Amino acid sequence: MKTITVPTYEQVSPANQAIFDNLKKGLGFVPNLYATFAHSDTALATYLALQNAKSSLSPKAREVRVSTLHCTSKLQGRRDESSTCCQTAGAS
């Protein structure tokens, strides 16, 4: 099975670096899923546009989705270990 690497800030295009900056401001980090989309110059922006489109999900359901991405990224070693979000969400 092929391994997909998660690109660093320096490895992505300037347009994706700007998106990374906005994600860090809004979420406090860049989820691995989003960073992986940044292998493409357009996939990350397209995905985020789709994600932010009108949805039948309630604001609470959207918050849970974002929190899940946050905890998943932390468990993959991308977050500061001092955060307790995953323990709060039931992950360990």
N, C-alpha and C. Protein backbone atom coordinates (compact mmCIF):
# COMPACT_ATOMS: atom_id res chain seq x y z
N MET A 1 0.84 -1.16 0.00
CA MET A 1 0.00 0.00 0.00
C MET A 1 0.89 1.25 0.00
N LYS A 2 0.53 2.20 -0.81
CA LYS A 2 1.30 3.43 -0.91
C LYS A 2 1.01 4.34 0.29
N THR A 3 2.07 4.94 0.83
CA THR A 3 1.94 5.87 1.94
C THR A 3 1.77 7.28 1.39
N ILE A 4 0.80 7.99 1.92
CA ILE A 4 0.58 9.38 1.53
C ILE A 4 1.18 10.26 2.61
N THR A 5 2.07 11.12 2.23
CA THR A 5 2.71 12.01 3.20
C THR A 5 1.88 13.28 3.36
N VAL A 6 1.97 13.84 4.53
CA VAL A 6 1.29 15.12 4.82
C VAL A 6 2.32 16.22 4.59
N PRO A 7 2.06 17.12 3.63
CA PRO A 7 3.06 18.15 3.34
C PRO A 7 3.16 19.18 4.46
N THR A 8 4.33 19.75 4.59
CA THR A 8 4.54 20.83 5.55
C THR A 8 4.17 22.15 4.90
N TYR A 9 4.11 23.18 5.70
CA TYR A 9 3.79 24.53 5.22
C TYR A 9 4.71 24.93 4.07
N GLU A 10 5.98 24.65 4.23
CA GLU A 10 6.97 25.05 3.23
C GLU A 10 6.84 24.28 1.92
N GLN A 11 6.18 23.14 1.95
CA GLN A 11 6.07 22.29 0.76
C GLN A 11 4.85 22.59 -0.10
N VAL A 12 3.96 23.46 0.36
CA VAL A 12 2.74 23.73 -0.40
C VAL A 12 2.83 25.07 -1.12
N SER A 13 1.93 25.28 -2.06
CA SER A 13 1.94 26.51 -2.85
C SER A 13 1.64 27.73 -1.98
N PRO A 14 1.99 28.92 -2.44
CA PRO A 14 1.67 30.13 -1.68
C PRO A 14 0.17 30.28 -1.40
N ALA A 15 -0.67 29.89 -2.35
CA ALA A 15 -2.13 29.97 -2.13
C ALA A 15 -2.54 29.05 -0.98
N ASN A 16 -1.98 27.84 -0.95
CA ASN A 16 -2.30 26.93 0.15
C ASN A 16 -1.67 27.36 1.47
N GLN A 17 -0.52 28.03 1.42
CA GLN A 17 0.06 28.58 2.64
C GLN A 17 -0.88 29.61 3.26
N ALA A 18 -1.51 30.41 2.42
CA ALA A 18 -2.47 31.40 2.92
C ALA A 18 -3.67 30.71 3.57
N ILE A 19 -4.11 29.61 2.96
CA ILE A 19 -5.22 28.85 3.56
C ILE A 19 -4.78 28.24 4.89
N PHE A 20 -3.56 27.70 4.93
CA PHE A 20 -3.02 27.15 6.18
C PHE A 20 -3.03 28.23 7.27
N ASP A 21 -2.60 29.45 6.92
CA ASP A 21 -2.59 30.55 7.89
C ASP A 21 -3.99 30.80 8.43
N ASN A 22 -4.99 30.81 7.55
CA ASN A 22 -6.37 31.04 7.98
C ASN A 22 -6.89 29.90 8.85
N LEU A 23 -6.53 28.67 8.49
CA LEU A 23 -6.94 27.53 9.31
C LEU A 23 -6.32 27.60 10.70
N LYS A 24 -5.05 27.97 10.76
CA LYS A 24 -4.39 28.09 12.07
C LYS A 24 -5.04 29.18 12.92
N LYS A 25 -5.46 30.27 12.28
CA LYS A 25 -6.15 31.34 13.02
C LYS A 25 -7.50 30.86 13.53
N GLY A 26 -8.22 30.13 12.69
CA GLY A 26 -9.56 29.70 13.04
C GLY A 26 -9.63 28.47 13.92
N LEU A 27 -8.81 27.47 13.61
CA LEU A 27 -8.86 26.20 14.33
C LEU A 27 -7.73 26.02 15.33
N GLY A 28 -6.65 26.76 15.11
CA GLY A 28 -5.48 26.61 15.96
C GLY A 28 -4.47 25.62 15.40
N PHE A 29 -4.80 24.97 14.28
CA PHE A 29 -3.94 23.98 13.65
C PHE A 29 -4.47 23.69 12.25
N VAL A 30 -3.73 22.93 11.48
CA VAL A 30 -4.17 22.48 10.16
C VAL A 30 -4.41 20.97 10.23
N PRO A 31 -5.66 20.52 10.12
CA PRO A 31 -5.91 19.08 10.15
C PRO A 31 -5.16 18.35 9.04
N ASN A 32 -4.72 17.14 9.31
CA ASN A 32 -3.98 16.35 8.33
C ASN A 32 -4.75 16.18 7.03
N LEU A 33 -6.06 15.98 7.12
CA LEU A 33 -6.86 15.83 5.91
C LEU A 33 -6.72 17.05 5.03
N TYR A 34 -6.84 18.23 5.62
CA TYR A 34 -6.72 19.47 4.85
C TYR A 34 -5.31 19.62 4.28
N ALA A 35 -4.32 19.35 5.08
CA ALA A 35 -2.94 19.47 4.61
C ALA A 35 -2.66 18.52 3.45
N THR A 36 -3.23 17.33 3.50
CA THR A 36 -3.02 16.37 2.43
C THR A 36 -3.63 16.88 1.12
N PHE A 37 -4.78 17.53 1.19
CA PHE A 37 -5.38 18.12 -0.01
C PHE A 37 -4.46 19.18 -0.62
N ALA A 38 -3.58 19.76 0.18
CA ALA A 38 -2.69 20.82 -0.29
C ALA A 38 -1.59 20.30 -1.22
N HIS A 39 -1.52 18.98 -1.43
CA HIS A 39 -0.62 18.47 -2.47
C HIS A 39 -1.02 19.06 -3.83
N SER A 40 -2.29 19.35 -3.98
CA SER A 40 -2.81 19.97 -5.20
C SER A 40 -2.94 21.47 -4.99
N ASP A 41 -2.72 22.23 -6.04
CA ASP A 41 -2.85 23.69 -5.92
C ASP A 41 -4.30 24.13 -5.75
N THR A 42 -5.27 23.29 -6.14
CA THR A 42 -6.68 23.70 -6.10
C THR A 42 -7.57 22.85 -5.20
N ALA A 43 -7.16 21.65 -4.85
CA ALA A 43 -8.04 20.72 -4.12
C ALA A 43 -8.43 21.25 -2.74
N LEU A 44 -7.51 21.84 -2.01
CA LEU A 44 -7.82 22.31 -0.66
C LEU A 44 -8.87 23.42 -0.70
N ALA A 45 -8.68 24.41 -1.55
CA ALA A 45 -9.65 25.50 -1.65
C ALA A 45 -11.02 24.99 -2.10
N THR A 46 -11.02 24.05 -3.04
CA THR A 46 -12.28 23.48 -3.53
C THR A 46 -12.98 22.71 -2.43
N TYR A 47 -12.23 21.90 -1.69
CA TYR A 47 -12.81 21.12 -0.59
C TYR A 47 -13.41 22.04 0.47
N LEU A 48 -12.67 23.07 0.85
CA LEU A 48 -13.17 23.99 1.88
C LEU A 48 -14.40 24.74 1.40
N ALA A 49 -14.44 25.11 0.13
CA ALA A 49 -15.63 25.77 -0.42
C ALA A 49 -16.84 24.84 -0.33
N LEU A 50 -16.64 23.58 -0.65
CA LEU A 50 -17.72 22.61 -0.56
C LEU A 50 -18.13 22.40 0.90
N GLN A 51 -17.15 22.30 1.76
CA GLN A 51 -17.44 22.08 3.18
C GLN A 51 -18.22 23.25 3.78
N ASN A 52 -17.94 24.45 3.33
CA ASN A 52 -18.59 25.64 3.87
C ASN A 52 -19.87 26.01 3.14
N ALA A 53 -20.26 25.21 2.16
CA ALA A 53 -21.50 25.48 1.43
C ALA A 53 -22.70 25.25 2.34
N LYS A 54 -23.84 25.76 1.93
CA LYS A 54 -25.06 25.59 2.71
C LYS A 54 -25.26 24.11 3.01
N SER A 55 -25.62 23.82 4.25
CA SER A 55 -25.72 22.44 4.70
C SER A 55 -26.96 22.24 5.57
N SER A 56 -27.42 21.02 5.60
CA SER A 56 -28.54 20.69 6.49
C SER A 56 -28.05 20.37 7.90
N LEU A 57 -26.72 20.32 8.10
CA LEU A 57 -26.18 20.07 9.44
C LEU A 57 -26.43 21.27 10.34
N SER A 58 -26.76 21.00 11.56
CA SER A 58 -26.94 22.07 12.55
C SER A 58 -25.57 22.63 12.92
N PRO A 59 -25.54 23.84 13.48
CA PRO A 59 -24.25 24.38 13.93
C PRO A 59 -23.54 23.44 14.91
N LYS A 60 -24.30 22.78 15.78
CA LYS A 60 -23.69 21.85 16.75
C LYS A 60 -23.06 20.66 16.03
N ALA A 61 -23.73 20.13 15.02
CA ALA A 61 -23.19 18.99 14.27
C ALA A 61 -21.91 19.40 13.53
N ARG A 62 -21.88 20.61 13.00
CA ARG A 62 -20.67 21.09 12.34
C ARG A 62 -19.52 21.21 13.35
N GLU A 63 -19.84 21.68 14.56
CA GLU A 63 -18.82 21.81 15.61
C GLU A 63 -18.25 20.44 15.97
N VAL A 64 -19.10 19.45 16.07
CA VAL A 64 -18.65 18.09 16.38
C VAL A 64 -17.73 17.59 15.28
N ARG A 65 -18.07 17.85 14.03
CA ARG A 65 -17.23 17.42 12.92
C ARG A 65 -15.84 18.05 13.00
N VAL A 66 -15.78 19.35 13.27
CA VAL A 66 -14.49 20.04 13.38
C VAL A 66 -13.71 19.50 14.58
N SER A 67 -14.39 19.28 15.69
CA SER A 67 -13.71 18.75 16.88
C SER A 67 -13.15 17.36 16.61
N THR A 68 -13.87 16.56 15.85
CA THR A 68 -13.39 15.23 15.50
C THR A 68 -12.12 15.31 14.67
N LEU A 69 -12.09 16.21 13.69
CA LEU A 69 -10.89 16.40 12.89
C LEU A 69 -9.72 16.85 13.76
N HIS A 70 -10.00 17.75 14.71
CA HIS A 70 -8.98 18.26 15.61
C HIS A 70 -8.37 17.12 16.42
N CYS A 71 -9.22 16.30 17.02
CA CYS A 71 -8.73 15.21 17.86
C CYS A 71 -8.02 14.15 17.04
N THR A 72 -8.52 13.87 15.84
CA THR A 72 -7.87 12.90 14.98
C THR A 72 -6.46 13.36 14.64
N SER A 73 -6.31 14.64 14.31
CA SER A 73 -4.98 15.16 13.99
C SER A 73 -4.07 15.09 15.21
N LYS A 74 -4.61 15.38 16.40
CA LYS A 74 -3.80 15.32 17.61
C LYS A 74 -3.31 13.89 17.84
N LEU A 75 -4.20 12.94 17.65
CA LEU A 75 -3.82 11.55 17.86
C LEU A 75 -2.77 11.10 16.84
N GLN A 76 -2.72 11.77 15.71
CA GLN A 76 -1.71 11.44 14.70
C GLN A 76 -0.42 12.20 14.95
N GLY A 77 -0.32 12.90 16.08
CA GLY A 77 0.92 13.54 16.46
C GLY A 77 1.12 14.94 15.91
N ARG A 78 0.06 15.57 15.43
CA ARG A 78 0.19 16.88 14.82
C ARG A 78 -0.12 18.01 15.80
N ARG A 79 -0.57 17.69 17.02
CA ARG A 79 -0.95 18.72 17.97
C ARG A 79 -0.06 18.68 19.19
N ASP A 80 -0.04 19.79 19.90
CA ASP A 80 0.68 19.91 21.16
C ASP A 80 0.02 18.98 22.18
N GLU A 81 0.80 18.16 22.84
CA GLU A 81 0.27 17.18 23.79
C GLU A 81 -0.36 17.81 25.03
N SER A 82 -0.18 19.12 25.23
CA SER A 82 -0.76 19.74 26.41
C SER A 82 -2.27 19.94 26.28
N SER A 83 -2.79 19.83 25.06
CA SER A 83 -4.22 19.99 24.83
C SER A 83 -4.96 18.78 25.38
N THR A 84 -6.14 19.02 25.94
CA THR A 84 -6.91 17.91 26.50
C THR A 84 -8.19 17.65 25.71
N CYS A 85 -8.30 18.18 24.52
CA CYS A 85 -9.55 18.03 23.77
C CYS A 85 -9.91 16.57 23.55
N CYS A 86 -8.96 15.74 23.24
CA CYS A 86 -9.27 14.35 22.96
C CYS A 86 -9.75 13.63 24.20
N GLN A 87 -9.18 13.94 25.34
CA GLN A 87 -9.64 13.34 26.58
C GLN A 87 -11.06 13.80 26.87
N THR A 88 -11.34 15.08 26.62
CA THR A 88 -12.68 15.61 26.83
C THR A 88 -13.66 14.94 25.89
N ALA A 89 -13.24 14.68 24.65
CA ALA A 89 -14.11 14.06 23.66
C ALA A 89 -14.20 12.55 23.82
N GLY A 90 -13.47 11.99 24.77
CA GLY A 90 -13.54 10.56 25.04
C GLY A 90 -12.43 9.76 24.40
N ALA A 91 -11.52 10.40 23.71
CA ALA A 91 -10.38 9.69 23.11
C ALA A 91 -9.23 9.70 24.09
N SER A 92 -8.36 8.75 23.95
CA SER A 92 -7.17 8.74 24.82
C SER A 92 -5.96 8.30 24.07
